[in-house]
N, C-alpha and C. Protein backbone atom coordinates (compact mmCIF):
# COMPACT_ATOMS: atom_id res chain seq x y z
N MET A 1 93.76 -206.24 -78.43
CA MET A 1 93.53 -205.29 -79.46
C MET A 1 93.88 -205.33 -80.88
N ARG A 2 94.29 -206.96 -81.40
CA ARG A 2 94.15 -207.50 -82.51
C ARG A 2 93.43 -207.56 -83.82
N ASP A 3 92.16 -207.75 -83.20
CA ASP A 3 91.22 -208.46 -84.07
C ASP A 3 90.71 -206.85 -84.64
N SER A 4 90.74 -206.61 -86.36
CA SER A 4 90.15 -205.74 -87.04
C SER A 4 88.96 -205.19 -86.65
N GLU A 5 88.06 -206.44 -86.58
CA GLU A 5 86.61 -206.50 -86.47
C GLU A 5 86.14 -205.51 -85.03
N SER A 6 86.79 -205.45 -84.37
CA SER A 6 86.50 -205.47 -82.92
C SER A 6 87.20 -203.74 -83.06
N MET A 7 88.40 -203.40 -83.93
CA MET A 7 88.78 -202.06 -84.18
C MET A 7 87.52 -201.11 -84.88
N ALA A 8 86.75 -201.69 -85.98
CA ALA A 8 85.91 -201.57 -86.99
C ALA A 8 85.01 -201.44 -85.91
N ASP A 9 84.17 -202.10 -84.90
CA ASP A 9 83.22 -202.58 -84.21
C ASP A 9 83.25 -201.13 -83.07
N ILE A 10 84.34 -200.60 -83.11
CA ILE A 10 84.25 -199.64 -81.93
C ILE A 10 84.37 -198.37 -82.65
N ILE A 11 84.96 -198.15 -83.94
CA ILE A 11 84.98 -197.47 -84.50
C ILE A 11 83.38 -196.88 -85.40
N SER A 12 83.03 -197.64 -85.63
CA SER A 12 81.60 -197.29 -85.90
C SER A 12 80.57 -196.97 -85.34
N LYS A 13 80.80 -197.30 -83.75
CA LYS A 13 80.32 -197.00 -82.35
C LYS A 13 80.04 -195.67 -81.89
N VAL A 14 81.93 -195.43 -82.79
CA VAL A 14 81.86 -194.02 -82.58
C VAL A 14 81.13 -193.05 -83.29
N LEU A 15 81.01 -193.41 -85.00
CA LEU A 15 80.63 -192.47 -85.21
C LEU A 15 78.98 -192.75 -85.17
N ARG A 16 78.27 -193.70 -84.91
CA ARG A 16 76.93 -193.79 -84.52
C ARG A 16 76.66 -192.49 -83.40
N ILE A 17 77.38 -192.87 -82.55
CA ILE A 17 76.93 -192.23 -81.38
C ILE A 17 77.23 -190.38 -81.59
N GLY A 18 78.30 -190.36 -82.55
CA GLY A 18 78.11 -189.14 -82.81
C GLY A 18 77.41 -188.33 -83.64
N VAL A 19 76.66 -189.21 -84.38
CA VAL A 19 75.77 -188.67 -85.70
C VAL A 19 74.67 -188.68 -84.93
N VAL A 20 74.32 -189.84 -84.06
CA VAL A 20 72.96 -189.56 -83.34
C VAL A 20 72.90 -188.58 -82.53
N LEU A 21 74.21 -188.57 -81.73
CA LEU A 21 73.76 -186.99 -80.58
C LEU A 21 73.67 -186.01 -81.33
N SER A 22 74.45 -185.26 -82.76
CA SER A 22 73.66 -184.58 -83.51
C SER A 22 73.23 -183.80 -83.82
N ALA A 23 72.22 -184.72 -84.31
CA ALA A 23 71.12 -184.81 -84.50
C ALA A 23 70.18 -184.59 -83.31
N ALA A 24 70.20 -185.32 -82.08
CA ALA A 24 69.52 -185.60 -81.22
C ALA A 24 69.61 -183.36 -81.16
N ILE A 25 70.61 -182.44 -80.68
CA ILE A 25 70.91 -181.60 -80.39
C ILE A 25 70.25 -180.87 -81.33
N ILE A 26 70.56 -180.80 -83.08
CA ILE A 26 69.85 -180.42 -83.28
C ILE A 26 67.85 -180.25 -84.09
N ILE A 27 67.13 -181.21 -83.41
CA ILE A 27 66.44 -181.34 -83.48
C ILE A 27 65.91 -180.70 -81.99
N PHE A 28 66.31 -180.50 -80.45
CA PHE A 28 66.18 -180.22 -79.88
C PHE A 28 66.69 -178.31 -80.32
N GLY A 29 67.23 -178.34 -80.65
CA GLY A 29 67.69 -176.06 -81.25
C GLY A 29 66.12 -176.37 -82.13
N VAL A 30 65.42 -177.07 -83.01
CA VAL A 30 64.77 -176.70 -84.36
C VAL A 30 63.15 -176.45 -83.33
N ILE A 31 62.71 -177.57 -81.64
CA ILE A 31 62.15 -177.24 -80.64
C ILE A 31 62.23 -175.89 -80.40
N LEU A 32 63.20 -175.32 -79.76
CA LEU A 32 63.38 -174.19 -79.21
C LEU A 32 63.15 -173.48 -80.09
N LEU A 33 63.53 -173.09 -81.22
CA LEU A 33 62.96 -172.66 -82.46
C LEU A 33 61.83 -172.29 -83.17
N VAL A 34 61.51 -173.46 -83.20
CA VAL A 34 59.75 -173.29 -83.61
C VAL A 34 58.86 -172.82 -82.16
N GLY A 35 59.56 -173.06 -81.16
CA GLY A 35 58.39 -172.12 -79.52
C GLY A 35 58.84 -171.28 -79.50
N THR A 36 60.11 -170.43 -80.04
CA THR A 36 60.57 -169.03 -80.47
C THR A 36 59.45 -168.28 -81.62
N ILE A 37 58.84 -168.74 -82.62
CA ILE A 37 58.23 -167.85 -83.02
C ILE A 37 57.37 -166.90 -82.86
N GLY A 38 57.24 -165.85 -82.99
CA GLY A 38 56.81 -165.20 -82.98
C GLY A 38 56.27 -164.50 -81.62
N SER A 39 57.30 -164.73 -80.80
CA SER A 39 57.90 -163.98 -79.88
C SER A 39 59.04 -162.90 -79.67
N SER A 40 58.75 -162.42 -78.59
CA SER A 40 59.68 -161.07 -78.67
C SER A 40 61.72 -161.65 -78.14
N ASP A 41 61.10 -162.42 -77.94
CA ASP A 41 63.10 -163.28 -77.99
C ASP A 41 63.20 -164.00 -79.26
N ALA A 42 62.28 -164.09 -80.29
CA ALA A 42 63.25 -164.37 -81.37
C ALA A 42 64.07 -163.67 -82.19
N THR A 43 64.80 -164.71 -82.40
CA THR A 43 66.21 -163.28 -83.56
C THR A 43 65.32 -163.75 -84.65
N PRO A 44 66.01 -162.56 -85.68
CA PRO A 44 65.29 -162.07 -86.72
C PRO A 44 66.09 -163.30 -87.77
N LEU A 45 65.89 -163.40 -88.55
CA LEU A 45 67.14 -164.57 -89.58
C LEU A 45 67.93 -163.67 -90.56
N GLN A 46 68.05 -161.52 -90.07
CA GLN A 46 69.04 -161.05 -90.46
C GLN A 46 70.21 -161.40 -89.80
N ASN A 47 70.05 -161.38 -88.54
CA ASN A 47 70.78 -161.29 -87.41
C ASN A 47 71.80 -162.83 -88.10
N LEU A 48 71.92 -163.87 -88.51
CA LEU A 48 72.50 -164.67 -88.95
C LEU A 48 73.69 -164.45 -89.95
N LYS A 49 73.64 -163.49 -90.51
CA LYS A 49 74.56 -162.91 -91.35
C LYS A 49 75.58 -162.18 -90.29
N GLN A 50 75.92 -162.15 -89.25
CA GLN A 50 77.13 -161.88 -88.24
C GLN A 50 77.69 -162.69 -88.48
N VAL A 51 79.24 -162.27 -88.16
CA VAL A 51 79.95 -163.27 -87.33
C VAL A 51 79.88 -163.52 -86.06
N PRO A 52 79.21 -164.76 -85.80
CA PRO A 52 79.23 -165.44 -84.24
C PRO A 52 80.69 -165.16 -83.43
N THR A 53 80.48 -165.03 -82.32
CA THR A 53 81.90 -165.24 -81.42
C THR A 53 81.16 -165.97 -80.61
N TRP A 54 82.98 -166.99 -80.38
CA TRP A 54 82.90 -167.67 -78.54
C TRP A 54 82.01 -167.37 -77.61
N GLY A 55 82.40 -166.38 -77.08
CA GLY A 55 81.26 -165.40 -76.37
C GLY A 55 79.95 -165.50 -76.60
N GLY A 56 79.20 -165.08 -77.82
CA GLY A 56 77.98 -165.26 -77.94
C GLY A 56 77.59 -166.31 -77.91
N PHE A 57 77.82 -167.31 -78.88
CA PHE A 57 77.97 -168.85 -78.78
C PHE A 57 78.21 -169.43 -77.16
N LEU A 58 78.38 -169.11 -76.50
CA LEU A 58 78.66 -170.27 -74.55
C LEU A 58 77.68 -169.21 -74.19
N ASN A 59 76.95 -167.83 -74.62
CA ASN A 59 76.01 -167.33 -73.81
C ASN A 59 74.40 -167.95 -74.57
N GLY A 60 74.71 -167.95 -75.98
CA GLY A 60 73.40 -168.06 -76.73
C GLY A 60 73.10 -169.76 -75.74
N LEU A 61 74.43 -170.48 -75.30
CA LEU A 61 74.00 -171.53 -75.25
C LEU A 61 73.68 -171.99 -73.58
N GLY A 62 74.04 -170.94 -72.93
CA GLY A 62 73.82 -170.51 -71.38
C GLY A 62 72.45 -170.58 -71.19
N SER A 63 71.76 -169.55 -72.29
CA SER A 63 70.85 -169.03 -72.09
C SER A 63 69.19 -169.90 -73.06
N LEU A 64 69.99 -171.16 -73.81
CA LEU A 64 69.33 -171.96 -74.87
C LEU A 64 68.63 -171.13 -75.89
N GLN A 65 69.05 -170.40 -76.25
CA GLN A 65 69.16 -169.69 -77.74
C GLN A 65 69.23 -171.18 -78.86
N ALA A 66 68.03 -171.09 -79.50
CA ALA A 66 67.62 -172.04 -80.59
C ALA A 66 69.41 -172.04 -81.37
N TYR A 67 69.34 -170.90 -81.94
CA TYR A 67 70.44 -171.33 -83.30
C TYR A 67 71.69 -171.55 -82.23
N SER A 68 71.95 -171.39 -81.17
CA SER A 68 73.52 -171.97 -80.36
C SER A 68 73.18 -172.98 -80.02
N VAL A 69 71.79 -173.57 -79.62
CA VAL A 69 72.10 -175.24 -79.60
C VAL A 69 72.46 -176.26 -81.19
N ILE A 70 71.77 -175.68 -81.78
CA ILE A 70 71.75 -176.13 -82.78
C ILE A 70 73.14 -175.06 -83.64
N GLU A 71 73.72 -174.53 -83.81
CA GLU A 71 75.33 -174.61 -84.03
C GLU A 71 75.64 -176.32 -83.34
N LEU A 72 75.41 -175.92 -81.89
CA LEU A 72 76.60 -177.09 -80.63
C LEU A 72 76.54 -178.18 -81.51
N GLY A 73 74.99 -178.87 -82.13
CA GLY A 73 74.70 -179.68 -82.96
C GLY A 73 75.86 -180.38 -83.93
N ALA A 74 75.90 -178.73 -85.21
CA ALA A 74 76.95 -179.08 -86.02
C ALA A 74 77.84 -179.24 -85.92
N ILE A 75 78.67 -178.70 -85.26
CA ILE A 75 80.01 -179.35 -84.23
C ILE A 75 80.03 -180.36 -83.59
N ALA A 76 78.95 -180.90 -83.45
CA ALA A 76 79.13 -182.11 -82.88
C ALA A 76 79.39 -182.97 -84.18
N LEU A 77 78.48 -183.10 -84.74
CA LEU A 77 78.38 -183.99 -86.66
C LEU A 77 79.99 -183.22 -86.77
N ILE A 78 80.62 -182.01 -87.08
CA ILE A 78 82.11 -182.19 -87.46
C ILE A 78 82.82 -183.07 -86.56
N ALA A 79 82.74 -182.90 -85.44
CA ALA A 79 83.53 -183.50 -84.40
C ALA A 79 83.74 -184.87 -84.70
N THR A 80 82.04 -185.32 -84.93
CA THR A 80 82.55 -186.89 -85.52
C THR A 80 83.31 -187.60 -85.87
N PRO A 81 83.70 -187.47 -87.26
CA PRO A 81 85.24 -187.63 -87.70
C PRO A 81 86.16 -187.72 -87.33
N VAL A 82 86.60 -186.51 -86.45
CA VAL A 82 87.99 -185.89 -85.92
C VAL A 82 87.67 -186.91 -84.65
N SER A 83 86.92 -187.10 -83.99
CA SER A 83 87.02 -188.13 -82.78
C SER A 83 87.36 -189.83 -83.35
N ARG A 84 86.69 -189.86 -84.75
CA ARG A 84 87.10 -191.44 -84.79
C ARG A 84 88.83 -190.77 -85.66
N VAL A 85 89.26 -189.99 -85.67
CA VAL A 85 90.93 -190.33 -86.14
C VAL A 85 91.63 -190.04 -84.78
N PHE A 86 90.85 -189.47 -83.73
CA PHE A 86 91.92 -189.70 -82.56
C PHE A 86 91.60 -191.18 -82.09
N ILE A 87 90.45 -191.35 -81.90
CA ILE A 87 90.26 -192.79 -81.17
C ILE A 87 91.43 -193.99 -82.04
N SER A 88 91.34 -193.85 -83.07
CA SER A 88 91.99 -194.38 -84.12
C SER A 88 93.90 -193.74 -84.02
N VAL A 89 94.06 -193.32 -83.63
CA VAL A 89 96.08 -193.49 -82.75
C VAL A 89 95.85 -194.47 -81.51
N PHE A 90 94.80 -194.20 -81.07
CA PHE A 90 94.86 -195.28 -79.51
C PHE A 90 94.79 -196.78 -80.65
N LEU A 91 94.17 -196.83 -81.23
CA LEU A 91 93.66 -198.47 -81.65
C LEU A 91 95.06 -198.50 -82.17
N PHE A 92 95.53 -198.04 -83.37
CA PHE A 92 96.95 -198.53 -83.85
C PHE A 92 98.07 -198.52 -83.13
N ALA A 93 97.66 -197.40 -82.14
CA ALA A 93 99.19 -197.81 -80.82
C ALA A 93 98.97 -198.90 -79.70
N ALA A 94 97.69 -199.45 -79.62
CA ALA A 94 97.40 -200.61 -78.74
C ALA A 94 97.87 -201.71 -80.11
N GLN A 95 97.56 -201.66 -80.75
CA GLN A 95 97.96 -202.88 -81.75
C GLN A 95 99.46 -203.11 -82.05
N LYS A 96 100.16 -201.73 -81.45
CA LYS A 96 101.67 -201.81 -82.15
C LYS A 96 101.96 -201.60 -83.23
N ASP A 97 100.92 -200.65 -84.09
CA ASP A 97 101.36 -200.23 -85.46
C ASP A 97 102.46 -199.01 -86.18
N ARG A 98 103.17 -199.33 -85.82
CA ARG A 98 103.97 -197.90 -85.62
C ARG A 98 103.46 -196.95 -86.66
N LEU A 99 103.47 -197.45 -88.18
CA LEU A 99 103.42 -197.05 -89.37
C LEU A 99 101.85 -196.41 -89.13
N TYR A 100 100.88 -196.90 -89.21
CA TYR A 100 99.36 -196.60 -88.96
C TYR A 100 99.08 -195.12 -87.87
N THR A 101 99.91 -195.77 -86.86
CA THR A 101 100.06 -194.72 -85.92
C THR A 101 100.14 -193.06 -86.21
N LEU A 102 101.69 -193.66 -86.61
CA LEU A 102 102.13 -191.76 -87.44
C LEU A 102 101.28 -191.27 -88.58
N ILE A 103 100.70 -192.25 -89.43
CA ILE A 103 99.97 -191.48 -90.82
C ILE A 103 98.51 -191.33 -89.79
N THR A 104 97.75 -191.86 -89.01
CA THR A 104 96.77 -191.35 -88.16
C THR A 104 97.30 -190.01 -87.34
N LEU A 105 98.32 -190.08 -86.73
CA LEU A 105 98.66 -188.78 -85.92
C LEU A 105 98.97 -187.66 -86.62
N THR A 106 99.37 -188.21 -88.62
CA THR A 106 100.04 -186.67 -89.64
C THR A 106 97.98 -186.28 -89.92
N VAL A 107 96.84 -187.37 -89.88
CA VAL A 107 96.06 -186.99 -90.79
C VAL A 107 95.33 -186.23 -89.31
N LEU A 108 95.48 -186.34 -87.84
CA LEU A 108 94.63 -185.96 -87.38
C LEU A 108 95.18 -184.55 -86.81
N ALA A 109 96.80 -184.05 -87.18
CA ALA A 109 97.25 -182.82 -87.31
C ALA A 109 96.86 -182.06 -88.07
N VAL A 110 96.91 -182.45 -89.57
CA VAL A 110 95.95 -181.77 -90.56
C VAL A 110 94.51 -181.61 -90.25
N LEU A 111 93.90 -182.01 -89.82
CA LEU A 111 92.52 -182.12 -89.37
C LEU A 111 92.14 -180.70 -88.61
N LEU A 112 93.26 -181.01 -87.34
CA LEU A 112 92.71 -179.45 -85.73
C LEU A 112 93.67 -178.15 -86.66
N PHE A 113 94.16 -178.92 -87.34
CA PHE A 113 94.99 -177.87 -88.29
C PHE A 113 93.66 -176.60 -89.21
N SER A 114 93.41 -177.69 -89.76
CA SER A 114 92.46 -176.85 -90.79
C SER A 114 91.28 -176.09 -90.12
N ILE A 115 90.95 -177.01 -88.69
CA ILE A 115 89.29 -176.68 -88.17
C ILE A 115 90.33 -175.29 -87.47
N LEU A 116 91.15 -175.11 -86.82
CA LEU A 116 91.77 -174.17 -85.64
C LEU A 116 92.18 -173.38 -86.37
N ALA A 117 93.36 -173.59 -86.54
CA ALA A 117 94.11 -172.73 -87.69
C ALA A 117 93.63 -171.55 -89.21
N THR A 118 92.73 -172.12 -89.21
CA THR A 118 93.00 -171.40 -90.54
C THR A 118 92.04 -170.12 -91.27
N PRO A 119 91.32 -170.12 -89.59
CA PRO A 119 90.48 -168.54 -89.45
C PRO A 119 91.23 -167.38 -89.33
N PHE A 120 92.25 -167.95 -88.88
CA PHE A 120 93.46 -166.85 -88.71
C PHE A 120 94.55 -167.11 -89.15
N ILE A 121 94.18 -167.02 -91.16
CA ILE A 121 95.17 -166.92 -91.77
C ILE A 121 94.46 -165.99 -92.51
N PRO A 122 94.83 -164.75 -93.30
CA PRO A 122 93.96 -163.75 -93.28
C PRO A 122 93.62 -164.44 -95.01
N LEU A 123 94.50 -165.12 -96.14
CA LEU A 123 94.27 -165.45 -97.28
C LEU A 123 92.71 -165.80 -96.66
N PHE A 124 91.92 -166.87 -95.67
CA PHE A 124 90.77 -167.66 -95.84
C PHE A 124 89.83 -166.90 -94.80
N GLN A 125 90.33 -165.50 -94.99
CA GLN A 125 89.55 -164.48 -94.24
C GLN A 125 88.54 -163.98 -94.63
N GLY A 126 86.92 -163.83 -95.24
CA GLY A 126 86.01 -163.34 -95.67
C GLY A 126 86.30 -161.77 -95.82
């Protein structure tokens, strides 16, 4: 893994796959949403203002609720650049580049902290 072009190829494939996957999930969710318009199972738009929970999200996915599927697509889109940083850690480590491995690990730690921890900090709660 000494070739920077092969590293760039791997990273670009990860980004392309992530974007295509998230777009496909979101399109599927929109199709589900269009299919539920006018039915008694449709979720009113007013309910979108409610704070989502992981349990509600997972239950919604299990029953193929359109908003949960669309949310999964958004999560996949957000996870795409994070996975790029995650994979870069291993690519730099394979090149035995300690400085860039450390820098990339630091970036990954900051990303994960900002995604996972900030919702629990009172200052960031709405």
